Amino acid sequence: MKINNITLAAIFVCGTIFNARAQTAQKQLTITIDGKNTAQAVHNIGASGCWFSEGIGKYWPSAKREKIAELLFSREVDAQGNPKGIGLSAWRFNIGGGTTEQGDSSGIVDFRRRVESFLSPDGKYDWTKQAGYQWFLRKAKSYGVENLIAFSNTPPVQFTKNGRGFKTEKDYISNLKEDKYDAYTAFLAEVIKHFDKEGLHFSYISPVNEPQWDWSNPPGKASQEGSPWTNTEIHRVISSLNTELDKNKLSTKILTTEAGMLTYLYSGKTASSRQIQQLYADTSKLNIKKLKFVPPVVAGHSYFTDSGDSSIVNVRKNVADTAKKYGLEYWQSEYSMLADGFREGIKGKRSAIDCALFLAKMIHHDLTVGNASAWHLWNSYEPGNAEFDTRYYLIALQPNKEHTDGEFAITKNLWAMGNYSLFIRPEMKRVEVSRGDGLDLYKQAQDVMVSAYTGGKNKLVVVAINYTEKPTALNLNLSNLKGAKTYRTYTTSAAADDNLKASPVQPLKGSVALQPRSVTTIVFN
């Protein structure tokens, strides 16, 4: 076709109209953020290093384990400004119960899920135990991780009723012998005291984990260490631990209740239900709120409360309301995509970015609806694939049979969690946001989800999850944040290079572009 000036002009006009229509069609969302309208402080965002820390930290080649530590703990950036790691501000350390020493007779099938104990049956301590776990603990400290948290799944096996690290009876009561409560808590205090001397201070100690589950298995069928606890038993062990911490002049605080599901915090009819009311109400005989080493914090796990947006929102509303009524903070202290809620009704495998977006969605709702003041993932690394159904981990392991070496792959989960952990630093406060589109919480969960955090007038962080398939122009209306004049974005999407990918520093004008199916952190200066 012969092209003349008139044809070129027509093409230009048509192209301009087409571009204008395309721009008009792009989704626009206005978010208003008032720096004075603050909510809870976020104390830390972290993860557990359970089970597989031992093999990696003790045996894997130095270059591999150093890289894994960098991915989890580093706050440095490369020459282009892209983060090298996700800068966790909390690291959870498992105090083992001695099932490794029992070997196959422990009854735990996978040797990698057995854990050594610092306390031998003869009453002597061996601080060389859990060498791999200790390697990661020291790495976390060296990278400046602000909160080290110790937790125990079972008392040492010599203190349990059946001599095992798990229950063999389905009776929903503790496996700890009646006369060993003080021995158990003295052991925990001794561990804390030892690591204090090593310069590894535990900010918190958690003596009870998921007390609602029965943790019973026939010998040879158990998957891990664990014990149930009734609220009465929790009161007893917390009171004993409080005494031991005081006697040893320690400053570590007690983290409880590590409910296996958030609904147990405020509802239910079992002996380990309604834990907020049972353990923190002034009128309850099980009240632990006034104990010296018990902060006004209740911890729960977000497992099994992610099946549908209504459940995600409503459960966290109930947690927030109940915690507020009793003057408590809520910590989300364990979550992975244990149930199938992350599939969102879709059959077949879920892609790495689908899983990462769902993980971000859960973090968002715990922080903004549940008002969580801490958020912890279970687990940092496990065997698996990095390309699909990455439901349990940040780093996918391919270990050898003996777990003395192996390969690993980085998942999109790691970077999506980093959109929060790297930028929302300890004691930053969440800022309430208002939306121009008027969507309620349930509809937001399938659209664009936005949260904001401030560290003062010169520090603002906004995290935006674009859950849709369309690009979105995010218009930010800021007030009482006069120090915010420039910003930089960090994007995680399905693209191979979009792993907290940094943009150039930009002046604060116009809108911020959100890619389809992405998590974007906007850091203002």
Protein backbone atom coordinates (compact mmCIF):
# COMPACT_ATOMS: atom_id res chain seq x y z
CA MET A 1 0.00 0.00 0.00
CA LYS A 2 1.26 3.48 -0.87
CA ILE A 3 1.56 5.62 2.23
CA ASN A 4 1.26 9.40 1.95
CA ASN A 5 1.09 12.17 4.51
CA ILE A 6 -2.69 11.90 4.84
CA THR A 7 -2.45 8.18 5.54
CA LEU A 8 0.27 8.76 8.15
CA ALA A 9 -1.86 11.40 9.80
CA ALA A 10 -4.83 9.04 9.91
CA ILE A 11 -2.68 6.29 11.40
CA PHE A 12 -1.35 8.74 14.00
CA VAL A 13 -4.85 9.91 14.96
CA CYS A 14 -6.21 6.36 15.15
CA GLY A 15 -3.20 5.28 17.18
CA THR A 16 -3.67 8.20 19.56
CA ILE A 17 -7.35 7.35 20.03
CA PHE A 18 -6.50 3.68 20.58
CA ASN A 19 -3.82 4.54 23.16
CA ALA A 20 -6.16 6.91 24.93
CA ARG A 21 -8.84 4.22 25.10
CA ALA A 22 -6.28 1.71 26.37
CA GLN A 23 -5.16 4.13 29.07
CA THR A 24 -8.76 4.87 30.00
CA ALA A 25 -9.46 1.14 30.24
CA GLN A 26 -6.58 0.60 32.66
CA LYS A 27 -7.81 0.11 36.20
CA GLN A 28 -7.31 3.16 38.43
CA LEU A 29 -7.30 2.91 42.22
CA THR A 30 -6.90 5.83 44.59
CA ILE A 31 -5.64 5.09 48.09
CA THR A 32 -5.62 7.73 50.82
CA ILE A 33 -3.07 7.39 53.61
CA ASP A 34 -3.04 9.67 56.67
CA GLY A 35 0.23 9.30 58.60
CA LYS A 36 -1.55 10.13 61.87
CA ASN A 37 -4.11 7.34 61.49
CA THR A 38 -1.94 4.53 62.86
CA ALA A 39 -2.91 1.06 64.06
CA GLN A 40 -0.73 -1.64 65.67
CA ALA A 41 3.06 -1.73 65.81
CA VAL A 42 4.61 -4.64 63.93
CA HIS A 43 7.30 -6.10 66.18
CA ASN A 44 8.78 -8.63 63.77
CA ILE A 45 8.26 -10.77 60.68
CA GLY A 46 10.03 -14.11 60.69
CA ALA A 47 10.16 -17.81 59.94
CA SER A 48 11.01 -21.16 61.49
CA GLY A 49 14.08 -23.19 60.64
CA CYS A 50 12.80 -26.55 61.73
CA TRP A 51 13.77 -30.12 60.85
CA PHE A 52 16.09 -29.51 57.93
CA SER A 53 18.33 -26.95 59.64
CA GLU A 54 20.28 -29.78 61.23
CA GLY A 55 21.48 -31.43 58.03
CA ILE A 56 22.05 -28.19 56.12
CA GLY A 57 23.81 -26.33 58.93
CA LYS A 58 25.94 -29.30 60.02
CA TYR A 59 26.83 -31.08 56.79
CA TRP A 60 26.01 -29.17 53.60
CA PRO A 61 28.93 -27.46 51.83
CA SER A 62 29.68 -23.98 53.14
CA ALA A 63 28.79 -22.13 49.92
CA LYS A 64 25.30 -23.62 49.81
CA ARG A 65 24.37 -23.03 53.43
CA GLU A 66 25.87 -19.52 53.35
CA LYS A 67 23.68 -18.71 50.33
CA ILE A 68 20.57 -20.02 52.08
CA ALA A 69 21.38 -17.88 55.13
CA GLU A 70 21.89 -14.84 52.92
CA LEU A 71 18.52 -15.37 51.22
CA LEU A 72 16.75 -15.52 54.58
CA PHE A 73 18.57 -12.90 56.61
CA SER A 74 20.42 -10.40 54.42
CA ARG A 75 19.25 -6.79 54.05
CA GLU A 76 21.93 -5.88 51.50
CA VAL A 77 21.29 -5.00 47.85
CA ASP A 78 23.32 -5.61 44.70
CA ALA A 79 24.75 -2.96 42.37
CA GLN A 80 21.33 -2.46 40.75
CA GLY A 81 19.58 -2.03 44.10
CA ASN A 82 17.97 -5.48 44.05
CA PRO A 83 17.81 -7.19 47.47
CA LYS A 84 20.04 -10.19 48.14
CA GLY A 85 17.69 -11.59 50.78
CA ILE A 86 14.44 -10.94 52.61
CA GLY A 87 15.82 -9.56 55.89
CA LEU A 88 13.79 -11.57 58.38
CA SER A 89 13.50 -9.81 61.74
CA ALA A 90 12.65 -12.99 63.69
CA TRP A 91 14.05 -16.52 63.62
CA ARG A 92 12.36 -19.43 65.40
CA PHE A 93 14.68 -22.06 66.92
CA ASN A 94 13.35 -25.51 67.84
CA ILE A 95 14.53 -26.89 71.19
CA GLY A 96 14.53 -30.64 70.55
CA GLY A 97 13.18 -33.42 72.71
CA GLY A 98 15.82 -36.11 72.18
CA THR A 99 14.16 -38.27 69.51
CA THR A 100 17.31 -38.30 67.36
CA GLU A 101 19.22 -40.10 70.10
CA GLN A 102 16.47 -42.73 70.19
CA GLY A 103 16.98 -43.51 66.52
CA ASP A 104 14.37 -45.70 64.81
CA SER A 105 13.01 -46.68 68.22
CA SER A 106 11.80 -43.06 68.57
CA GLY A 107 8.76 -44.04 66.49
CA ILE A 108 9.20 -41.02 64.19
CA VAL A 109 9.42 -42.25 60.60
CA ASP A 110 11.63 -39.61 58.94
CA PHE A 111 15.03 -39.33 60.66
CA ARG A 112 15.25 -35.70 59.54
CA ARG A 113 12.25 -34.82 61.72
CA ARG A 114 13.80 -36.24 64.86
CA VAL A 115 15.60 -33.67 67.00
CA GLU A 116 18.46 -33.96 69.48
CA SER A 117 18.20 -32.77 73.07
CA PHE A 118 20.74 -30.73 74.99
CA LEU A 119 19.82 -32.71 78.12
CA SER A 120 20.94 -36.32 78.36
CA PRO A 121 18.93 -38.89 80.36
CA ASP A 122 21.76 -38.89 82.95
CA GLY A 123 21.07 -35.22 83.70
CA LYS A 124 24.13 -33.82 81.94
CA TYR A 125 24.00 -31.07 79.29
CA ASP A 126 25.75 -31.39 75.95
CA TRP A 127 25.87 -28.04 74.15
CA THR A 128 27.34 -29.54 70.99
CA LYS A 129 23.94 -31.02 70.19
CA GLN A 130 21.72 -29.49 67.48
CA ALA A 131 24.86 -28.22 65.74
CA GLY A 132 23.05 -27.49 62.46
CA TYR A 133 20.25 -25.63 64.21
CA GLN A 134 22.85 -23.65 66.13
CA TRP A 135 24.66 -22.74 62.90
CA PHE A 136 21.54 -21.04 61.55
CA LEU A 137 20.87 -19.41 64.93
CA ARG A 138 24.34 -17.83 64.87
CA LYS A 139 23.91 -16.80 61.24
CA ALA A 140 20.66 -15.07 62.07
CA LYS A 141 22.41 -13.18 64.85
CA SER A 142 25.36 -12.24 62.61
CA TYR A 143 23.00 -10.78 60.01
CA GLY A 144 21.35 -8.65 62.68
CA VAL A 145 18.04 -10.52 63.03
CA GLU A 146 16.40 -8.63 65.87
CA ASN A 147 14.33 -11.38 67.52
CA LEU A 148 15.46 -14.92 68.26
CA ILE A 149 12.54 -17.06 69.44
CA ALA A 150 12.88 -20.51 71.00
CA PHE A 151 10.05 -23.03 70.89
CA SER A 152 9.55 -26.61 72.04
CA ASN A 153 7.27 -29.21 70.49
CA THR A 154 7.79 -31.75 73.27
CA PRO A 155 9.47 -31.95 76.67
CA PRO A 156 12.64 -34.06 76.71
CA VAL A 157 11.63 -37.69 76.21
CA GLN A 158 12.86 -38.68 79.68
CA PHE A 159 10.16 -36.40 81.12
CA THR A 160 7.26 -37.76 79.04
CA LYS A 161 4.70 -40.33 80.16
CA ASN A 162 5.47 -42.80 77.38
CA GLY A 163 9.17 -42.02 76.93
CA ARG A 164 8.53 -40.70 73.43
CA GLY A 165 8.44 -37.33 71.74
CA PHE A 166 4.79 -37.77 70.71
CA LYS A 167 1.59 -39.23 72.14
CA THR A 168 0.49 -42.82 71.70
CA GLU A 169 -2.89 -42.29 73.42
CA LYS A 170 -5.60 -40.11 71.89
CA ASP A 171 -6.71 -38.41 75.09
CA TYR A 172 -5.84 -34.76 74.33
CA ILE A 173 -3.84 -34.29 77.54
CA SER A 174 -0.18 -33.48 77.96
CA ASN A 175 2.50 -36.13 77.51
CA LEU A 176 4.50 -34.55 80.34
CA LYS A 177 4.70 -36.59 83.56
CA GLU A 178 2.82 -35.07 86.49
CA ASP A 179 5.98 -34.72 88.56
CA LYS A 180 8.14 -33.26 85.77
CA TYR A 181 6.63 -29.82 85.18
CA ASP A 182 9.35 -28.04 87.13
CA ALA A 183 12.03 -30.25 85.58
CA TYR A 184 10.81 -29.33 82.09
CA THR A 185 10.73 -25.59 82.75
CA ALA A 186 14.12 -25.73 84.52
CA PHE A 187 15.48 -27.35 81.36
CA LEU A 188 14.08 -24.54 79.19
CA ALA A 189 15.53 -21.92 81.53
CA GLU A 190 18.92 -23.64 81.40
CA VAL A 191 18.87 -23.55 77.58
CA ILE A 192 18.04 -19.85 77.61
CA LYS A 193 20.74 -19.13 80.16
CA HIS A 194 23.35 -21.00 78.13
CA PHE A 195 22.59 -19.15 74.92
CA ASP A 196 22.50 -15.82 76.75
CA LYS A 197 26.12 -16.50 77.75
CA GLU A 198 26.86 -17.24 74.08
CA GLY A 199 25.49 -13.83 73.09
CA LEU A 200 22.40 -15.42 71.54
CA HIS A 201 19.53 -13.94 73.50
CA PHE A 202 16.08 -15.39 73.00
CA SER A 203 13.51 -12.61 73.12
CA TYR A 204 10.76 -15.18 73.65
CA ILE A 205 10.39 -18.81 74.73
CA SER A 206 7.37 -20.87 73.66
CA PRO A 207 6.93 -24.04 75.76
CA VAL A 208 3.66 -25.27 74.22
CA ASN A 209 2.89 -25.80 70.53
CA GLU A 210 -0.51 -26.46 68.94
CA PRO A 211 -2.04 -27.88 72.13
CA GLN A 212 -5.39 -28.66 70.46
CA TRP A 213 -4.08 -31.52 68.30
CA ASP A 214 -3.95 -35.00 69.83
CA TRP A 215 -0.43 -35.72 68.45
CA SER A 216 -1.09 -39.46 68.82
CA ASN A 217 0.32 -42.12 66.55
CA PRO A 218 1.24 -45.78 66.78
CA PRO A 219 5.01 -46.17 67.24
CA GLY A 220 6.67 -46.11 63.86
CA LYS A 221 3.93 -43.94 62.34
CA ALA A 222 4.64 -40.51 63.88
CA SER A 223 5.72 -37.65 61.62
CA GLN A 224 7.27 -35.35 64.25
CA GLU A 225 7.59 -34.41 67.92
CA GLY A 226 4.45 -33.02 69.56
CA SER A 227 2.19 -32.98 72.62
CA PRO A 228 -1.34 -31.77 73.38
CA TRP A 229 -2.03 -29.56 76.40
CA THR A 230 -5.26 -28.54 78.11
CA ASN A 231 -5.68 -24.93 79.21
CA THR A 232 -5.24 -26.08 82.82
CA GLU A 233 -1.95 -27.75 81.90
CA ILE A 234 -0.85 -24.66 79.97
CA HIS A 235 -1.54 -22.52 83.03
CA ARG A 236 0.56 -24.88 85.11
CA VAL A 237 3.56 -25.03 82.77
CA ILE A 238 3.52 -21.26 82.13
CA SER A 239 3.39 -20.55 85.87
CA SER A 240 6.30 -22.92 86.46
CA LEU A 241 8.34 -21.38 83.63
CA ASN A 242 7.61 -17.90 84.96
CA THR A 243 9.11 -18.96 88.31
CA GLU A 244 12.20 -20.46 86.65
CA LEU A 245 12.87 -17.35 84.55
CA ASP A 246 12.57 -15.19 87.64
CA LYS A 247 14.79 -17.47 89.73
CA ASN A 248 17.51 -17.39 87.07
CA LYS A 249 17.21 -13.61 86.58
CA LEU A 250 16.51 -14.01 82.85
CA SER A 251 14.76 -11.43 80.68
CA THR A 252 13.22 -13.73 78.05
CA LYS A 253 9.44 -13.41 77.76
CA ILE A 254 6.99 -16.30 77.45
CA LEU A 255 5.10 -16.60 74.16
CA THR A 256 1.80 -18.48 74.35
CA THR A 257 -0.57 -20.10 73.34
CA GLU A 258 0.50 -21.13 69.81
CA ALA A 259 -3.07 -22.27 69.08
CA GLY A 260 -3.19 -24.81 66.25
CA MET A 261 -5.96 -22.81 64.56
CA LEU A 262 -7.07 -19.23 65.14
CA THR A 263 -10.65 -20.18 66.04
CA TYR A 264 -9.37 -21.91 69.19
CA LEU A 265 -8.29 -18.52 70.50
CA TYR A 266 -11.86 -17.28 70.91
CA SER A 267 -14.31 -20.19 70.45
CA GLY A 268 -14.86 -23.93 70.90
CA LYS A 269 -15.86 -26.29 73.71
CA THR A 270 -12.76 -28.44 74.28
CA ALA A 271 -10.37 -28.26 77.22
CA SER A 272 -7.96 -26.23 75.08
CA SER A 273 -10.47 -23.86 73.43
CA ARG A 274 -11.42 -20.21 74.09
CA GLN A 275 -7.84 -19.62 75.13
CA ILE A 276 -8.07 -15.85 75.27
CA GLN A 277 -11.00 -15.96 77.69
CA GLN A 278 -9.62 -18.90 79.69
CA LEU A 279 -6.06 -17.64 80.12
CA TYR A 280 -6.40 -13.85 80.05
CA ALA A 281 -9.76 -12.94 81.58
CA ASP A 282 -9.43 -11.34 85.02
CA THR A 283 -12.22 -13.58 86.32
CA SER A 284 -10.63 -16.85 85.13
CA LYS A 285 -8.84 -19.10 87.63
CA LEU A 286 -6.36 -19.91 84.83
CA ASN A 287 -5.37 -16.28 84.29
CA ILE A 288 -1.70 -15.88 83.33
CA LYS A 289 -1.83 -12.22 82.29
CA LYS A 290 -0.36 -10.92 85.54
CA LEU A 291 2.65 -13.23 85.54
CA LYS A 292 5.90 -11.25 85.33
CA PHE A 293 7.26 -12.89 82.18
CA VAL A 294 4.00 -13.16 80.25
CA PRO A 295 3.51 -10.17 77.93
CA PRO A 296 -0.01 -9.19 76.79
CA VAL A 297 0.37 -11.29 73.65
CA VAL A 298 -1.56 -14.31 72.40
CA ALA A 299 -0.16 -16.37 69.51
CA GLY A 300 -2.10 -18.48 67.06
CA HIS A 301 -1.55 -20.31 63.79
CA SER A 302 -3.40 -19.39 60.60
CA TYR A 303 -3.66 -22.95 59.31
CA PHE A 304 -7.09 -24.15 58.12
CA THR A 305 -8.62 -20.65 58.20
CA ASP A 306 -7.85 -19.88 54.56
CA SER A 307 -10.65 -21.69 52.75
CA GLY A 308 -12.51 -18.87 51.04
CA ASP A 309 -12.36 -15.12 51.47
CA SER A 310 -15.26 -15.03 53.95
CA SER A 311 -13.41 -17.35 56.31
CA ILE A 312 -10.15 -15.44 55.91
CA VAL A 313 -11.81 -12.14 56.80
CA ASN A 314 -14.33 -13.24 59.42
CA VAL A 315 -11.97 -15.37 61.50
CA ARG A 316 -9.47 -12.53 61.71
CA LYS A 317 -12.16 -10.04 62.62
CA ASN A 318 -13.08 -12.29 65.54
CA VAL A 319 -9.45 -12.65 66.62
CA ALA A 320 -8.91 -8.89 66.52
CA ASP A 321 -12.13 -8.12 68.40
CA THR A 322 -11.52 -10.71 71.14
CA ALA A 323 -7.86 -9.80 71.59
CA LYS A 324 -8.79 -6.11 71.88
CA LYS A 325 -11.49 -6.86 74.45
CA TYR A 326 -8.93 -8.49 76.74
CA GLY A 327 -6.14 -5.98 76.11
CA LEU A 328 -3.97 -8.35 74.07
CA GLU A 329 -1.85 -8.27 70.95
CA TYR A 330 -2.26 -11.05 68.42
CA TRP A 331 0.77 -12.77 66.89
CA GLN A 332 0.41 -15.04 63.86
CA SER A 333 3.21 -17.44 64.74
CA GLU A 334 2.88 -20.23 62.16
CA TYR A 335 1.44 -20.50 58.68
CA SER A 336 1.96 -22.45 55.51
CA MET A 337 -0.55 -23.58 52.91
CA LEU A 338 -1.22 -26.77 54.85
CA ALA A 339 -4.84 -27.06 53.75
CA ASP A 340 -6.10 -26.63 50.18
CA GLY A 341 -7.45 -23.10 50.54
CA PHE A 342 -4.60 -21.81 48.38
CA ARG A 343 -6.07 -23.67 45.40
CA GLU A 344 -9.12 -21.37 45.52
CA GLY A 345 -11.32 -24.00 43.91
CA ILE A 346 -8.98 -24.59 40.99
CA LYS A 347 -8.07 -28.19 40.19
CA GLY A 348 -4.55 -29.15 39.25
CA LYS A 349 -1.20 -27.65 40.14
CA ARG A 350 -0.85 -24.06 41.26
CA SER A 351 2.00 -22.04 39.80
CA ALA A 352 4.78 -20.54 41.89
CA ILE A 353 3.34 -17.02 41.54
CA ASP A 354 -0.17 -18.25 42.42
CA CYS A 355 1.20 -19.67 45.68
CA ALA A 356 3.26 -16.54 46.34
CA LEU A 357 0.27 -14.27 45.83
CA PHE A 358 -1.84 -16.40 48.16
CA LEU A 359 0.89 -16.24 50.79
CA ALA A 360 1.00 -12.44 50.45
CA LYS A 361 -2.79 -12.36 50.70
CA MET A 362 -2.67 -14.25 54.02
CA ILE A 363 0.02 -11.96 55.42
CA HIS A 364 -2.05 -8.96 54.33
CA HIS A 365 -5.20 -10.16 56.09
CA ASP A 366 -3.45 -11.17 59.30
CA LEU A 367 -1.85 -7.71 59.48
CA THR A 368 -4.78 -5.57 58.35
CA VAL A 369 -7.86 -7.47 59.58
CA GLY A 370 -6.38 -9.51 62.43
CA ASN A 371 -4.15 -6.59 63.51
CA ALA A 372 -1.28 -9.04 63.96
CA SER A 373 1.77 -7.44 65.53
CA ALA A 374 4.05 -10.28 64.38
CA TRP A 375 3.90 -12.75 61.49
CA HIS A 376 5.89 -15.99 61.21
CA LEU A 377 6.06 -18.59 58.44
CA TRP A 378 6.37 -22.34 58.79
CA ASN A 379 8.74 -23.49 57.26
CA SER A 380 11.78 -21.82 55.69
CA TYR A 381 12.90 -24.86 53.73
CA GLU A 382 11.61 -28.33 52.95
CA PRO A 383 12.04 -30.87 50.15
CA GLY A 384 9.94 -29.94 47.13
CA ASN A 385 9.62 -28.24 43.79
CA ALA A 386 10.09 -24.50 43.24
CA GLU A 387 7.87 -24.26 40.17
CA PHE A 388 4.43 -25.36 41.40
CA ASP A 389 2.48 -26.14 44.60
CA THR A 390 5.12 -24.39 46.71
CA ARG A 391 2.78 -24.52 49.66
CA TYR A 392 5.12 -25.33 52.54
CA TYR A 393 8.38 -23.44 52.10
CA LEU A 394 10.40 -20.47 50.89
CA ILE A 395 13.30 -22.58 49.64
CA ALA A 396 12.77 -25.94 47.92
CA LEU A 397 15.32 -28.57 48.89
CA GLN A 398 16.55 -31.53 46.87
CA PRO A 399 18.68 -33.26 49.54
CA ASN A 400 20.57 -36.51 49.16
CA LYS A 401 19.34 -39.58 51.00
CA GLU A 402 21.51 -38.94 54.06
CA HIS A 403 20.73 -35.18 54.06
CA THR A 404 24.46 -34.43 54.08
CA ASP A 405 24.33 -32.45 50.83
CA GLY A 406 21.91 -31.50 48.10
CA GLU A 407 20.64 -28.74 45.88
CA PHE A 408 18.09 -26.04 46.53
CA ALA A 409 15.88 -23.71 44.51
CA ILE A 410 14.38 -20.34 45.40
CA THR A 411 10.61 -20.03 45.24
CA LYS A 412 8.50 -16.98 44.50
CA ASN A 413 7.20 -17.38 48.07
CA LEU A 414 10.56 -16.16 49.36
CA TRP A 415 10.38 -12.89 47.46
CA ALA A 416 6.67 -12.32 48.12
CA MET A 417 7.29 -12.66 51.85
CA GLY A 418 10.25 -10.33 51.40
CA ASN A 419 7.86 -7.69 50.09
CA TYR A 420 6.83 -7.47 53.75
CA SER A 421 9.74 -8.70 55.89
CA LEU A 422 12.52 -6.69 54.25
CA PHE A 423 10.76 -3.35 54.45
CA ILE A 424 8.44 -3.46 57.47
CA ARG A 425 11.06 -3.23 60.18
CA PRO A 426 10.47 -3.84 63.89
CA GLU A 427 8.20 -1.33 65.63
CA MET A 428 6.99 0.32 62.44
CA LYS A 429 3.29 1.09 62.76
CA ARG A 430 0.59 0.08 60.35
CA VAL A 431 -1.33 3.02 58.90
CA GLU A 432 -5.01 2.69 58.03
CA VAL A 433 -5.80 3.24 54.35
CA SER A 434 -9.03 4.20 52.61
CA ARG A 435 -9.98 3.23 49.08
CA GLY A 436 -11.59 5.27 46.36
CA ASP A 437 -13.45 2.30 44.88
CA GLY A 438 -15.41 1.46 48.03
CA LEU A 439 -14.80 -2.29 47.81
CA ASP A 440 -15.54 -4.22 50.99
CA LEU A 441 -12.98 -6.55 52.56
CA TYR A 442 -14.37 -9.62 50.81
CA LYS A 443 -14.16 -8.13 47.33
CA GLN A 444 -10.74 -6.60 48.01
CA ALA A 445 -9.44 -10.14 48.52
CA GLN A 446 -9.85 -10.81 44.80
CA ASP A 447 -8.80 -7.35 43.64
CA VAL A 448 -5.99 -5.04 44.76
CA MET A 449 -5.03 -5.26 48.46
CA VAL A 450 -3.09 -2.35 49.95
CA SER A 451 -1.49 -1.84 53.35
CA ALA A 452 0.81 0.90 54.65
CA TYR A 453 3.40 1.23 57.42
CA THR A 454 5.25 4.18 58.85
CA GLY A 455 8.41 4.66 60.84
CA GLY A 456 7.81 8.38 61.27
CA LYS A 457 7.21 11.34 59.00
CA ASN A 458 10.15 10.49 56.75
CA LYS A 459 9.45 6.76 56.40
CA LEU A 460 6.52 5.19 54.59
CA VAL A 461 6.18 1.70 53.14
CA VAL A 462 3.17 0.62 51.06
CA VAL A 463 2.61 -3.00 50.00
CA ALA A 464 0.18 -3.57 47.14
CA ILE A 465 -0.98 -7.00 45.97
CA ASN A 466 -2.52 -6.92 42.49
CA TYR A 467 -4.51 -10.15 42.55
CA THR A 468 -6.06 -9.45 39.16
CA GLU A 469 -4.94 -10.21 35.60
CA LYS A 470 -5.00 -6.51 34.68
CA PRO A 471 -2.40 -3.79 35.27
CA THR A 472 -3.47 -1.15 37.77
CA ALA A 473 -2.50 2.48 38.20
CA LEU A 474 -2.24 3.14 41.93
CA ASN A 475 -2.85 6.77 42.86
CA LEU A 476 -1.63 7.61 46.35
CA ASN A 477 -3.05 10.52 48.28
CA LEU A 478 -0.73 11.14 51.25
CA SER A 479 -1.31 13.43 54.22
CA ASN A 480 0.76 14.09 57.36
CA LEU A 481 3.68 12.47 55.58
CA LYS A 482 5.47 15.54 54.32
CA GLY A 483 8.89 13.90 54.24
CA ALA A 484 7.83 11.52 51.45
CA LYS A 485 9.13 13.15 48.24
CA THR A 486 10.57 10.24 46.25
CA TYR A 487 9.92 6.52 46.07
CA ARG A 488 11.28 3.25 44.77
CA THR A 489 9.31 0.11 43.97
CA TYR A 490 10.26 -3.55 44.52
CA THR A 491 8.20 -5.98 42.46
CA THR A 492 7.64 -9.72 42.62
CA SER A 493 5.74 -11.24 39.69
CA ALA A 494 5.78 -14.35 37.49
CA ALA A 495 8.60 -12.88 35.39
CA ALA A 496 11.88 -14.68 36.02
CA ASP A 497 13.73 -11.51 37.05
CA ASP A 498 10.93 -10.00 39.13
CA ASN A 499 12.20 -11.09 42.53
CA LEU A 500 11.83 -7.89 44.57
CA LYS A 501 13.10 -6.19 41.42
CA ALA A 502 13.99 -2.59 42.19
CA SER A 503 12.94 0.38 40.10
CA PRO A 504 14.93 3.61 39.81
CA VAL A 505 14.22 6.27 42.44
CA GLN A 506 11.29 8.37 41.19
CA PRO A 507 9.72 11.67 42.22
CA LEU A 508 6.38 11.47 44.01
CA LYS A 509 4.00 12.45 41.21
CA GLY A 510 1.54 10.61 39.04
CA SER A 511 0.55 7.01 39.69
CA VAL A 512 2.47 3.87 40.58
CA ALA A 513 2.12 1.05 38.05
CA LEU A 514 1.15 -2.36 39.44
CA GLN A 515 1.79 -5.31 37.17
CA PRO A 516 -0.88 -8.00 36.82
CA ARG A 517 -0.61 -10.78 39.42
CA SER A 518 2.16 -9.15 41.39
CA VAL A 519 3.24 -7.89 44.80
CA THR A 520 4.81 -4.44 44.85
CA THR A 521 6.41 -2.68 47.79
CA ILE A 522 6.67 1.09 47.48
CA VAL A 523 9.31 2.64 49.72
CA PHE A 524 9.10 6.41 50.20
CA ASN A 525 11.93 8.61 51.41
